[in-house]
Structure formats: C-alpha cells, structure tokens
Protein backbone atom coordinates (compact mmCIF):
# COMPACT_ATOMS: atom_id res chain seq x y z
CA MET A 1 9.49 34.36 -15.83
CA PHE A 2 10.52 30.65 -16.81
CA LYS A 3 13.91 31.54 -16.90
CA SER A 4 13.63 33.27 -13.59
CA VAL A 5 12.07 30.11 -11.94
CA ILE A 6 14.83 27.98 -13.20
CA GLU A 7 17.61 30.17 -11.65
CA ARG A 8 15.65 30.49 -7.86
CA ALA A 9 15.31 26.42 -8.79
CA GLY A 10 18.96 26.30 -9.29
CA ARG A 11 20.05 28.51 -6.00
CA PHE A 12 18.02 26.07 -4.28
CA ARG A 13 19.75 23.18 -5.43
CA ARG A 14 23.09 24.64 -4.53
CA ASN A 15 21.63 25.23 -1.02
CA LEU A 16 21.23 21.70 -0.76
CA THR A 17 24.64 20.60 -1.43
CA SER A 18 26.96 23.22 -0.70
CA LEU A 19 27.55 25.27 2.34
CA ASP A 20 29.58 28.74 2.23
CA ASN A 21 29.54 28.40 -1.09
CA GLN A 22 31.88 25.23 -0.42
CA PRO A 23 30.15 21.57 -1.43
CA LEU A 24 29.45 19.80 1.68
CA GLY A 25 32.25 17.69 3.27
CA LYS A 26 31.41 13.67 3.85
CA ALA A 27 30.87 14.28 7.57
CA ALA A 28 28.64 17.01 7.06
CA LEU A 29 26.58 14.84 4.26
CA VAL A 30 26.79 11.97 6.62
CA VAL A 31 24.79 13.87 9.24
CA ILE A 32 22.28 15.05 7.39
CA VAL A 33 21.50 12.48 5.23
CA PHE A 34 20.62 10.63 8.68
CA LEU A 35 18.70 14.01 9.74
CA ASP A 36 16.77 14.02 6.22
CA VAL A 37 15.63 10.01 7.14
CA PHE A 38 14.81 10.63 10.51
CA ILE A 39 12.28 13.65 9.44
CA LEU A 40 10.95 12.13 6.30
CA ILE A 41 10.03 8.71 8.51
CA SER A 42 8.80 11.06 11.73
CA ILE A 43 6.49 13.06 8.99
CA PHE A 44 5.03 9.89 7.50
CA ASP A 45 4.32 7.94 11.01
CA GLY A 46 2.57 11.39 11.82
CA LEU A 47 0.81 11.52 8.84
CA ALA A 48 -0.90 8.15 9.81
CA ASP A 49 -1.39 8.66 13.20
CA HIS A 50 -3.12 12.11 12.07
CA ALA A 51 -5.16 10.83 9.69
CA GLY A 52 -5.69 7.12 11.55
CA GLN A 53 -8.20 9.72 13.73
CA LEU A 54 -10.83 9.51 10.66
CA ASP A 55 -13.35 7.28 10.53
CA THR A 56 -12.59 4.91 7.33
CA PRO A 57 -15.37 2.80 5.61
CA GLU A 58 -13.59 -0.13 7.36
CA SER A 59 -14.35 1.12 10.72
CA ARG A 60 -17.83 2.65 10.21
CA ILE A 61 -19.31 -0.15 8.48
CA PRO A 62 -17.28 -3.57 9.34
CA GLN A 63 -16.81 -6.38 7.15
CA HIS A 64 -19.08 -8.75 9.25
CA CYS A 65 -21.94 -6.11 8.81
CA ARG A 66 -21.58 -5.89 5.29
CA ASP A 67 -21.93 -9.78 4.93
CA ILE A 68 -25.04 -10.00 7.35
CA VAL A 69 -26.46 -6.90 6.18
CA ILE A 70 -25.20 -6.00 2.48
CA ASP A 71 -24.90 -9.32 1.28
CA ALA A 72 -27.13 -11.43 3.48
CA ASP A 73 -24.78 -14.05 3.71
CA TRP A 74 -26.84 -15.25 6.81
CA ASN A 75 -29.46 -17.55 7.32
CA GLU A 76 -30.78 -20.22 9.52
CA THR A 77 -28.90 -22.78 7.54
CA ASN A 78 -25.51 -21.30 7.99
CA ARG A 79 -25.37 -18.88 10.46
CA PHE A 80 -24.20 -20.99 13.23
CA ASP A 81 -20.96 -21.59 11.37
CA ASN A 82 -20.66 -18.04 10.49
CA LEU A 83 -20.58 -17.03 13.90
CA ALA A 84 -18.23 -20.12 14.97
CA ARG A 85 -16.02 -18.63 11.82
CA ILE A 86 -16.30 -15.12 13.20
CA VAL A 87 -15.63 -16.26 16.80
CA ALA A 88 -12.72 -18.44 16.03
CA LYS A 89 -10.74 -16.02 13.30
CA TYR A 90 -10.78 -13.47 16.25
CA ARG A 91 -9.76 -15.43 19.07
CA GLY A 92 -7.57 -17.41 17.20
CA SER A 93 -5.67 -13.93 15.95
CA TYR A 94 -2.43 -12.32 17.45
CA TYR A 95 -3.64 -8.98 16.21
CA ARG A 96 -6.16 -7.02 18.71
CA PRO A 97 -7.66 -4.22 17.19
CA ASP A 98 -6.53 -0.30 18.44
CA ASP A 99 -8.61 0.84 21.48
CA ARG A 100 -9.39 4.02 19.25
CA GLU A 101 -10.33 1.70 16.50
CA LEU A 102 -13.07 0.28 18.88
CA ARG A 103 -14.12 4.04 19.93
CA LYS A 104 -14.64 4.93 16.53
CA GLU A 105 -18.72 5.23 15.49
CA GLN A 106 -20.38 3.10 13.85
CA HIS A 107 -23.51 2.69 10.97
CA SER A 108 -26.67 2.66 13.56
CA LEU A 109 -27.73 -0.82 11.69
CA CYS A 110 -24.00 -2.08 12.62
CA GLU A 111 -23.52 -0.92 15.90
CA PRO A 112 -25.89 -3.28 17.77
CA ILE A 113 -24.58 -6.28 15.61
CA THR A 114 -20.93 -5.56 16.23
CA ARG A 115 -22.03 -5.36 20.29
CA ALA A 116 -24.22 -8.32 20.27
CA LEU A 117 -20.76 -10.02 18.93
CA ARG A 118 -18.29 -8.31 21.32
CA VAL A 119 -20.79 -10.00 23.78
CA ILE A 120 -20.37 -14.07 22.59
CA ARG A 121 -16.60 -13.70 21.76
CA GLY A 122 -15.87 -12.19 25.15
CA ASP A 123 -17.65 -15.14 26.69
CA ASP A 124 -14.67 -18.36 27.15
CA GLY A 125 -17.46 -20.81 27.84
CA LEU A 126 -19.45 -19.57 24.67
CA ALA A 127 -17.05 -19.23 22.59
CA LYS A 128 -15.29 -22.76 23.13
CA ASN A 129 -19.52 -24.25 22.33
CA LEU A 130 -18.82 -21.88 18.88
CA GLU A 131 -15.44 -23.26 17.89
CA GLU A 132 -16.48 -26.89 18.79
CA THR A 133 -19.43 -26.96 16.74
CA LEU A 134 -16.74 -25.62 13.60
CA LYS A 135 -14.40 -28.04 14.71
CA LEU A 136 -17.88 -30.77 14.31
CA GLN A 137 -18.73 -29.41 11.08
CA ARG A 138 -15.50 -29.84 9.90
CA GLN A 139 -14.84 -33.56 11.07
CA SER A 140 -18.85 -34.46 9.20
CA VAL A 141 -17.33 -33.65 6.28
CA GLU A 142 -13.79 -35.40 5.86
CA LEU A 143 -16.01 -38.59 7.65
CA ARG A 144 -18.44 -38.25 5.12
CA ALA A 145 -16.01 -38.17 2.11
CA GLU A 146 -14.24 -40.93 3.61
CA LEU A 147 -17.15 -42.66 3.82
CA GLU A 148 -17.89 -42.21 -0.10
CA ARG A 149 -14.60 -43.19 -0.80
CA THR A 150 -15.47 -46.40 0.89
CA LYS A 151 -18.97 -47.30 -0.34
CA GLY A 152 -17.27 -46.44 -3.95
CA ALA A 153 -14.18 -49.32 -2.49
CA TYR A 154 -17.34 -51.63 -1.43
CA ASP A 155 -19.14 -51.53 -4.50
CA THR A 156 -15.98 -52.17 -6.89
CA THR A 157 -15.19 -55.21 -4.39
CA LEU A 158 -18.52 -56.51 -4.69
CA LEU A 159 -19.01 -56.70 -7.92
CA GLU A 160 -15.90 -58.42 -8.14
CA THR A 161 -16.96 -60.96 -5.83
CA MET A 162 -19.93 -62.13 -7.67
CA ALA A 163 -17.52 -62.94 -10.48
CA LYS A 164 -15.26 -64.36 -8.74
CA GLN A 165 -17.47 -66.12 -5.87
CA ARG A 166 -15.39 -67.09 -2.74
CA GLN A 167 -11.98 -65.45 -3.49
CA GLY A 168 -13.89 -61.53 -2.42
CA GLU A 169 -15.97 -62.38 0.30
CA VAL A 170 -13.06 -61.43 3.04
CA ASN A 171 -12.60 -57.87 1.54
CA VAL A 172 -16.27 -57.17 1.22
CA ASP A 173 -16.79 -58.38 4.80
CA ALA A 174 -14.19 -56.02 5.76
CA ILE A 175 -15.28 -52.88 3.68
CA ARG A 176 -18.52 -53.64 5.20
CA GLU A 177 -17.60 -53.17 8.72
CA GLU A 178 -15.53 -50.22 8.17
CA ILE A 179 -17.97 -48.80 6.34
CA GLY A 180 -20.40 -49.33 9.83
CA LYS A 181 -17.95 -48.29 11.95
CA LYS A 182 -17.82 -44.76 10.00
CA THR A 183 -21.57 -44.57 9.92
CA THR A 184 -21.90 -45.53 13.37
CA ALA A 185 -19.17 -42.43 13.76
CA LEU A 186 -20.85 -39.76 11.28
CA ASN A 187 -24.42 -40.48 13.51
CA GLU A 188 -22.54 -39.62 16.33
CA GLN A 189 -20.90 -36.35 15.11
CA VAL A 190 -24.17 -35.20 14.09
CA ARG A 191 -25.77 -35.72 16.56
CA GLN A 192 -23.63 -33.73 18.93
CA LEU A 193 -23.80 -31.04 16.43
CA LYS A 194 -27.21 -30.71 17.11
CA LEU A 195 -27.34 -30.93 20.88
CA LEU A 196 -24.63 -28.66 20.41
CA GLU A 197 -26.69 -25.87 18.30
CA SER A 198 -29.59 -26.42 20.26
CA ALA A 199 -27.92 -25.91 23.84
CA LEU A 200 -26.29 -22.30 21.92
CA GLU A 201 -29.63 -21.32 20.21
CA GLN A 202 -31.26 -21.19 23.82
CA ASP A 203 -29.01 -18.75 24.68
CA GLU A 204 -29.62 -15.05 25.27
CA ARG A 205 -27.12 -13.40 23.76
CA VAL A 206 -26.87 -15.62 20.32
CA ARG A 207 -30.90 -15.74 20.15
CA ALA A 208 -30.17 -11.41 21.00
CA LEU A 209 -27.71 -11.81 17.60
CA PHE A 210 -30.20 -13.68 15.53
CA VAL A 211 -33.18 -11.79 16.03
CA LEU A 212 -30.91 -8.64 14.80
CA VAL A 213 -29.83 -10.26 11.80
CA ALA A 214 -33.19 -11.66 11.22
CA GLY A 215 -34.99 -8.11 11.33
CA ILE A 216 -32.76 -6.56 8.69
CA SER A 217 -34.98 -5.54 5.47
CA ASP A 218 -34.47 -5.00 2.08
CA ALA A 219 -34.50 -1.20 2.42
CA ASP A 220 -31.68 -1.62 4.97
CA ARG A 221 -29.49 -3.29 2.72
CA THR A 222 -30.30 -0.45 0.26
CA ARG A 223 -29.44 2.43 2.72
CA LEU A 224 -26.50 0.71 4.13
CA ARG A 225 -24.66 0.04 0.53
CA ASP A 226 -25.39 3.33 -0.39
CA GLU A 227 -23.48 4.78 2.14
CA LEU A 228 -20.64 2.24 2.01
CA ARG A 229 -20.35 3.68 -2.05
CA GLN A 230 -19.94 7.31 -0.35
CA LEU A 231 -17.89 6.57 2.11
CA ASN A 232 -15.47 4.68 -0.67
CA PHE A 233 -15.58 7.67 -3.22
CA TRP A 234 -14.91 10.39 -0.45
CA TYR A 235 -12.99 8.43 2.04
CA PRO A 236 -9.49 9.50 0.14
CA VAL A 237 -10.89 13.24 0.17
CA LYS A 238 -11.56 13.75 3.20
CA ARG A 239 -7.97 11.76 4.37
CA LEU A 240 -5.85 14.16 1.80
CA GLY A 241 -7.76 16.93 3.79
CA MET A 242 -5.81 15.53 6.87
CA GLU A 243 -2.86 14.76 6.02
CA MET A 244 -2.71 18.03 4.18
CA VAL A 245 -3.84 19.73 7.73
CA PHE A 246 -0.63 18.04 9.51
CA LEU A 247 1.68 18.74 6.81
CA LEU A 248 0.78 22.62 5.58
CA PRO A 249 2.39 24.41 9.23
CA LEU A 250 5.68 21.99 8.86
CA PHE A 251 5.89 23.41 5.50
CA LEU A 252 5.25 26.70 6.42
CA VAL A 253 7.16 26.87 9.16
CA PHE A 254 10.34 25.27 7.33
CA TYR A 255 9.54 27.51 4.31
CA PHE A 256 9.62 30.94 6.55
CA TRP A 257 12.81 29.49 8.23
CA ASN A 258 14.52 28.82 4.75
CA ALA A 259 13.49 32.23 3.45
CA LYS A 260 14.72 34.36 6.44
CA SER A 261 17.82 32.21 7.23
CA ILE A 262 18.66 32.74 3.45
CA ALA A 263 17.88 36.97 3.78
CA ALA A 264 20.05 36.49 6.79
CA ASN A 265 22.73 34.90 5.16
CA ARG A 266 23.15 32.36 7.66
CA PRO A 267 24.50 29.18 5.69
CA PHE A 268 24.18 26.35 8.57
CA GLN A 269 20.62 27.02 8.72
CA THR A 270 19.81 27.51 5.07
CA LEU A 271 21.35 23.93 4.05
CA VAL A 272 18.71 22.16 6.94
CA SER A 273 15.89 24.33 6.35
CA SER A 274 16.14 23.64 2.71
CA HIS A 275 16.47 19.96 3.24
CA LEU A 276 13.29 20.08 5.39
CA VAL A 277 11.54 22.03 2.86
CA VAL A 278 12.00 19.11 0.60
CA LEU A 279 11.32 16.62 2.86
CA VAL A 280 7.93 17.99 3.29
CA LEU A 281 7.13 18.08 0.08
CA ILE A 282 7.84 14.41 -1.35
CA PRO A 283 5.07 13.10 1.11
CA VAL A 284 2.44 15.91 -0.80
CA PHE A 285 3.47 14.63 -3.60
CA PHE A 286 2.82 10.74 -2.78
CA LYS A 287 -0.38 11.68 -1.19
CA ILE A 288 -1.61 13.64 -4.52
CA ILE A 289 -0.74 10.61 -6.48
CA GLU A 290 -2.10 8.37 -3.66
CA LEU A 291 -6.12 10.66 -4.00
CA ILE A 292 -5.50 10.05 -7.94
CA TYR A 293 -5.26 6.24 -7.49
CA ASP A 294 -8.37 5.73 -4.86
CA ILE A 295 -10.53 8.24 -6.92
CA ILE A 296 -10.31 6.81 -10.44
CA PRO A 297 -12.98 4.07 -10.38
CA LYS A 298 -11.36 0.61 -10.11
CA LYS A 299 -13.50 -0.78 -12.68
CA LEU A 300 -13.31 1.87 -15.23
CA LEU A 301 -9.86 0.00 -17.18
CA LYS A 302 -11.39 -3.09 -17.01
CA GLN A 303 -15.09 -1.54 -18.52
CA LEU A 304 -12.90 -0.17 -21.35
CA ILE A 305 -11.24 -3.42 -22.02
CA GLU A 306 -14.04 -5.03 -22.33
CA LEU A 307 -16.02 -2.39 -24.52
CA LEU A 308 -12.72 -2.51 -26.89
CA GLU A 309 -13.28 -6.31 -26.71
CA SER A 310 -16.88 -6.37 -27.97
CA LEU A 311 -15.72 -4.21 -30.88
CA LYS A 312 -12.92 -5.74 -31.79
CA LEU A 313 -10.88 -3.36 -31.15
CA VAL A 314 -8.42 -4.51 -28.03
CA ALA A 315 -5.32 -4.08 -29.97
CA LEU A 316 -5.93 -0.08 -29.49
CA TRP A 317 -5.25 -0.83 -25.60
CA HIS A 318 -2.02 -2.58 -26.17
CA TYR A 319 -1.15 0.53 -28.96
CA LEU A 320 -1.96 3.03 -26.27
CA LEU A 321 0.22 1.25 -23.50
CA MET A 322 3.40 1.22 -25.80
CA GLY A 323 2.95 5.28 -26.56
CA VAL A 324 2.40 5.92 -22.97
CA ALA A 325 5.41 4.40 -22.22
CA ILE A 326 7.26 6.44 -25.16
CA LEU A 327 6.28 9.43 -24.07
CA ALA A 328 7.66 8.23 -20.87
CA ALA A 329 10.66 6.94 -22.06
CA LEU A 330 11.70 10.19 -24.08
CA ALA A 331 10.71 12.89 -20.91
CA LEU A 332 12.87 10.47 -18.85
CA ILE A 333 15.98 10.83 -21.08
CA TYR A 334 15.47 13.84 -21.71
CA PHE A 335 15.50 14.93 -18.11
CA PHE A 336 18.44 12.91 -17.88
CA GLN A 337 20.60 13.81 -20.60
CA LYS A 338 19.34 17.86 -21.09
CA LYS A 339 18.94 18.62 -16.89
CA LEU A 340 20.84 16.44 -14.81
CA PHE A 341 23.96 15.03 -17.21
CA SER A 342 23.67 18.10 -19.84
CA ARG A 343 27.45 18.74 -21.30
CA GLU A 344 27.59 22.14 -20.16
CA LYS A 345 26.95 20.66 -16.30
CA LEU A 346 29.30 17.89 -17.28
CA VAL A 347 31.95 20.08 -18.18
CA LEU A 348 32.08 22.32 -15.02
CA ARG A 349 32.10 18.88 -12.67
CA ARG A 350 34.92 18.23 -14.78
CA ILE A 351 36.81 21.81 -14.15
CA ALA A 352 36.09 21.24 -10.60
CA LYS A 353 37.61 18.52 -10.33
CA GLY A 354 40.56 19.01 -12.30
CA LEU A 355 40.28 16.61 -15.27
CA CYS A 356 40.05 17.73 -19.27
CA GLN A 357 37.39 19.79 -20.25
CA ASN A 358 37.10 17.59 -23.67
CA CYS A 359 37.88 13.95 -22.75
CA GLY A 360 37.88 13.63 -19.08
CA GLN A 361 41.07 12.61 -18.11
CA HIS A 362 43.02 13.32 -15.07
CA LEU A 363 45.54 16.40 -16.15
CA PRO A 364 48.72 16.61 -14.59
CA ALA A 365 49.79 19.76 -12.50
CA ASP A 366 50.49 22.92 -14.33
CA SER A 367 48.50 21.42 -17.95
CA SER A 368 47.55 24.09 -20.34
CA ALA A 369 46.96 21.48 -22.50
CA CYS A 370 45.55 17.90 -22.36
CA PRO A 371 48.19 15.32 -22.98
CA PHE A 372 45.63 12.62 -23.65
CA CYS A 373 43.75 14.45 -26.32
CA GLY A 374 45.95 17.72 -27.11
CA PHE A 375 42.30 20.07 -25.96
CA ALA A 376 43.88 23.60 -25.25
CA GLN A 377 41.99 23.93 -21.42
CA TYR A 378 42.42 28.02 -21.61
CA GLN A 379 41.46 30.86 -23.70
CA PRO A 380 42.06 34.48 -23.24
CA CYS A 381 39.59 36.34 -21.03
CA GLY A 382 37.63 39.11 -23.06
CA HIS A 383 37.79 41.70 -19.98
CA CYS A 384 41.09 40.65 -18.61
CA ASN A 385 43.00 39.21 -21.42
CA LYS A 386 44.66 36.59 -18.63
CA PRO A 387 44.02 32.42 -19.02
CA THR A 388 40.42 31.37 -17.84
CA HIS A 389 38.67 27.91 -18.80
CA VAL A 390 37.51 27.41 -22.63
CA TYR A 391 34.63 26.38 -20.74
CA GLY A 392 33.97 27.95 -17.93
CA LYS A 393 31.27 30.32 -17.28
CA PHE A 394 33.10 32.99 -15.89
CA CYS A 395 37.22 34.12 -15.67
CA LYS A 396 38.50 32.73 -12.89
CA GLU A 397 41.02 35.54 -12.74
CA CYS A 398 38.58 38.27 -12.46
CA GLY A 399 35.08 36.87 -12.38
CA GLN A 400 33.30 38.21 -14.95
CA SER A 401 31.27 36.09 -17.46
CA VAL A 402 32.96 34.64 -20.33
CA GLY A 403 30.24 34.22 -22.60
C-alpha cells in the first residue's frame, strides 16, 4: 500500500512539471507560475473576507469595554482623562473601522457603552473640549516638573547666598520671580481644566456614559471576563471552520477536474488542475498549524519554565530544545538527501541532460565512455541485448525494465 502511495505521488509530481510526457517549456513555466501566484493570492484574500464575517473577540468585546468593565480602569479621578484619550485616538487616527465591523453585534454590557462613546466622539465641539482637557493635563504635568526643578535651583542658590551674602542676591531674586510666574501659570491651567471638566460633566452625553460606567457591578465584570475567555478559546476553531467551508468546495472542484482530466487524457487540463489542487492544500496546511498554535495556551511554556526553575531543572528545557533541533535537522537531511536529491534522481537527471552518469561532466557526442573519469556509459540490455544506459531504469531501445 505504501508503495502504491509513493507511485501515485510520483505520477502527480510529474503532472506538475511535465506536459505530454515532456518537461515544461520556459514560456509555459512562466505562465503556470504567474497563474499559481494569482490563484494563491486570491485564495488567501477570499479566506480573509470569508472568515471576516465571523464575530471576533475584539468585535464582540472591544478593548475600551474590557478596560471599563473587566479591568475597572475608570474612576472619578481618571475618567475624563480616559475618555479624552479614546476620543483623541479615534479622531487622530488615519484608519477608520470597516462598516461591517461596526455592524457586528457586541456583548450586551458593551453595546450601550460603545453607542455612548460613538455619540461623544461624533460631536466636533464636544470632542475638541475633551482633547483640550488632555492638552491642559499634559501641559500641567510638564509645568509642575519645571517648577520642581526651579525650586530645587532656588534652594541651592539660597544656601549659597547665605554663605556669600550679596554675591548671589541677584540670582535668588530672578529665580524667585521665575517661580512666581510658573506658579501663576500652573494655577491658571488648573483653573481652566476644572472649568472645562465642570462644563463637560454637565453635558448629558458625558453624564450618560459615566452613569453606565458607575452602574457596572462585580458580577458584570466576572460574567464578561468568563465570556471573553470562552471567545478567545473557541474563536480559532470557528475561524478554521469558516475557512474550511471556503476551501473545501474549491478542493473538491479542482480534485474532480484533475481526476477527469487524467482519465480523459487531457494533458493541458491535467497540468493546470494539478497545480490548483496543490495551491488549495497550501492554505489548509497553514491554517491547521495556525489553529494548533492558537489553541495551545500561551502561558503553558512560561509555566513549564517557571516550574523547572523552581526545581533547579531548567537545563532540561535547553536539552529538549537541542533534541528537537537535532531531530528536525535529521528529518530534513533525510528528506533532501533521500527524496529530493537522491543518487537515483541525480543519475536520471544526468542521463536526461547527456552528462556522465558517474562524474556529471558533459559528454562529447557519441561517447560510449566518459573521457574524464573513464566510466562506461552503456551495458547490454537483458531483453534485446542492445546498448542501454548503465543506470537507466528502462532500456532506451526496447523500453523494458533493466532492473
């Protein structure tokens, strides 16, 4: 059975690289390569659009909802700052979400919060006021830092003046004046910020959002966190299912086309359909690997390393990595040496190109032996007794198997 599978794989490989039992010409090869690239790009684009119809954890529970509900990052102290950052990030971004993303259904806890945020960031005047609060807060932080540095310089200069009397009085007065100006400017910024926040708090849209945030309970946070965990776990499986729904019809169509083309002896259709079958299998392989990577808990390896470190056995992890690398290298060497570049295939390529079967040098015309290594190129066929290649699998005269 295994031998039959190998033979079928060999025939399929020949269908990919030959036409009418002859190697593909350069022009035909260029055409088929361009077709392969176009079809492969089209398949991956189609996969992205088809799987994009599925609700993702990010669309079901957006990041701002996670921050507000699960992480409980919003409180009376930082809520204006957080709201201003969301609005500023949205309005300053050159990217706008696809309408399909906006139409996707959100969690019942997130949907009213998202709707309130959309109303706020959609009003130019309100959005500008929020961005102004962010600007004033940033300026106040910078001004406080400058004021602290100036006060430090003032204290140092004052001590020096007390030691040297009049020599430092001018510097002390200048620094004192600068401190006064910065303190006045800081107080003015704080006053403007409080007035702006007070005006924003009176806005019905802002108050509606803050009421929603204040009404979130611990039970709501637990429920949303548990659902997010389930979404993160099952989404890769659902995504693979959607992708297979897209790929399976393509594979069946191309496979049956290829089978019918081979049965009807249509070499041109066999060539194209064989390539299409392989192209469909490429994303299938990558998507399965992607699923395995997504399903394996991301913290599993970290916990394993921490366990080994606690047991003073972290060297086992490095031994394991080296062992996996050695096994992978052995497998690749065997595959390349025995399957792709075996001695048998090397000799057959030399025969096809008119090279010496032993050393690979180009033979002069009508040479029965290699002038470079002396290897005799022909031996009598056991069926017709005519000369045939020493390492050929079939007699070049009667076509019978030499072995």
